[in-house]
Amino acid sequence: MTDQLLKETRISGYENPCDCSVEGIVTIDARGQMVLPKEVRERAGIAPGDRFAVVFSEREGAVCCITLIKKDHLDRYISSLVHPEHQMCRTEDQKANRNEHYD
């Protein structure tokens, strides 16, 4: 994939207000570490020492998506799970699964 194609690719199943997109490809090294491209760090305002929550999304019993949420934004994310009217990114499958538990 070219860099331009990556920037134009939208992840299906996600809706606004997040407007999720693929911004790059990273590789995990033998020690389990990865380097986020400089452009990604700058755009996201990520600095050395920043802390993140690691959130898994599952589909059909397998992890399909790993999301990093800045620790400073974790309260808002949790609030969006507890109070659906404050939604962040959420797939239709996640919405359906959540609704099954409350119907």
Protein backbone atom coordinates (compact mmCIF):
# COMPACT_ATOMS: atom_id res chain seq x y z
CA MET A 1 0.00 0.00 0.00
CA THR A 2 1.18 3.46 -0.72
CA ASP A 3 1.21 6.15 1.96
CA GLN A 4 -1.52 8.04 0.11
CA LEU A 5 -3.74 4.95 -0.06
CA LEU A 6 -3.28 4.39 3.68
CA LYS A 7 -4.38 7.95 4.43
CA GLU A 8 -7.45 7.63 2.22
CA THR A 9 -8.57 4.29 3.65
CA ARG A 10 -11.47 4.47 6.08
CA ILE A 11 -12.14 1.61 8.45
CA SER A 12 -15.60 0.23 7.71
CA GLY A 13 -17.98 -0.26 10.60
CA TYR A 14 -16.96 2.92 12.41
CA GLU A 15 -19.00 6.06 12.43
CA ASN A 16 -18.57 9.70 13.34
CA PRO A 17 -17.59 11.52 15.49
CA CYS A 18 -14.37 9.48 15.40
CA ASP A 19 -13.85 9.34 11.63
CA CYS A 20 -11.23 6.58 12.08
CA SER A 21 -8.57 6.09 9.43
CA VAL A 22 -5.43 4.03 8.83
CA GLU A 23 -2.43 6.33 9.36
CA GLY A 24 0.44 3.89 8.98
CA ILE A 25 1.74 0.37 9.42
CA VAL A 26 3.98 -0.57 12.36
CA THR A 27 6.06 -3.68 13.05
CA ILE A 28 6.51 -5.37 16.43
CA ASP A 29 10.14 -6.25 17.18
CA ALA A 30 11.46 -9.32 19.03
CA ARG A 31 11.08 -7.52 22.37
CA GLY A 32 7.41 -6.74 21.67
CA GLN A 33 8.03 -3.06 21.01
CA MET A 34 6.84 -0.90 18.14
CA VAL A 35 7.71 2.57 16.92
CA LEU A 36 4.90 4.93 16.03
CA PRO A 37 5.84 7.02 12.99
CA LYS A 38 6.86 10.61 13.80
CA GLU A 39 3.91 11.99 11.82
CA VAL A 40 1.48 9.90 13.89
CA ARG A 41 3.06 11.00 17.19
CA GLU A 42 2.98 14.66 16.17
CA ARG A 43 -0.61 14.56 14.91
CA ALA A 44 -1.80 12.77 18.06
CA GLY A 45 0.25 14.97 20.37
CA ILE A 46 2.12 11.97 21.80
CA ALA A 47 5.22 12.73 23.85
CA PRO A 48 7.77 10.50 25.61
CA GLY A 49 6.33 9.23 28.89
CA ASP A 50 2.67 9.51 27.82
CA ARG A 51 0.56 6.65 29.16
CA PHE A 52 -2.15 4.75 27.29
CA ALA A 53 -4.88 2.23 28.05
CA VAL A 54 -4.80 -0.76 25.69
CA VAL A 55 -8.32 -1.72 24.60
CA PHE A 56 -9.16 -4.87 22.62
CA SER A 57 -12.12 -5.26 20.27
CA GLU A 58 -13.16 -8.81 19.46
CA ARG A 59 -15.04 -10.32 16.57
CA GLU A 60 -15.96 -14.00 16.40
CA GLY A 61 -13.84 -14.73 19.49
CA ALA A 62 -10.60 -13.22 18.17
CA VAL A 63 -8.98 -9.85 18.82
CA CYS A 64 -9.45 -7.85 15.61
CA CYS A 65 -8.54 -4.37 16.79
CA ILE A 66 -6.21 -2.90 19.40
CA THR A 67 -6.93 0.69 20.36
CA LEU A 68 -4.69 2.99 22.39
CA ILE A 69 -6.51 5.60 24.49
CA LYS A 70 -4.56 8.39 26.15
CA LYS A 71 -4.81 8.02 29.91
CA ASP A 72 -6.09 11.60 30.11
CA HIS A 73 -9.06 10.60 27.89
CA LEU A 74 -9.87 7.31 29.61
CA ASP A 75 -12.67 8.77 31.77
CA ARG A 76 -14.45 10.05 28.65
CA TYR A 77 -14.10 6.65 26.97
CA ILE A 78 -15.53 4.83 30.00
CA SER A 79 -18.37 7.35 30.16
CA SER A 80 -19.19 6.60 26.51
CA LEU A 81 -19.56 2.91 27.41
CA VAL A 82 -21.77 3.61 30.42
CA HIS A 83 -23.77 6.42 28.81
CA PRO A 84 -24.50 5.53 25.15
CA GLU A 85 -25.51 9.11 24.35
CA HIS A 86 -21.81 10.03 24.81
CA GLN A 87 -20.54 7.51 22.25
CA MET A 88 -17.05 7.49 20.86
CA CYS A 89 -16.20 5.09 18.01
CA ARG A 90 -18.38 2.01 18.20
CA THR A 91 -18.99 -0.63 15.53
CA GLU A 92 -22.47 -1.81 14.60
CA ASP A 93 -21.55 -5.26 15.98
CA GLN A 94 -20.62 -3.73 19.34
CA LYS A 95 -23.89 -1.77 19.39
CA ALA A 96 -25.90 -4.89 18.54
CA ASN A 97 -24.09 -6.94 21.18
CA ARG A 98 -24.68 -4.25 23.80
CA ASN A 99 -28.38 -4.01 22.88
CA GLU A 100 -28.83 -7.79 23.19
CA HIS A 101 -27.74 -7.58 26.82
CA TYR A 102 -30.22 -4.81 27.67
CA ASP A 103 -33.28 -5.82 25.61
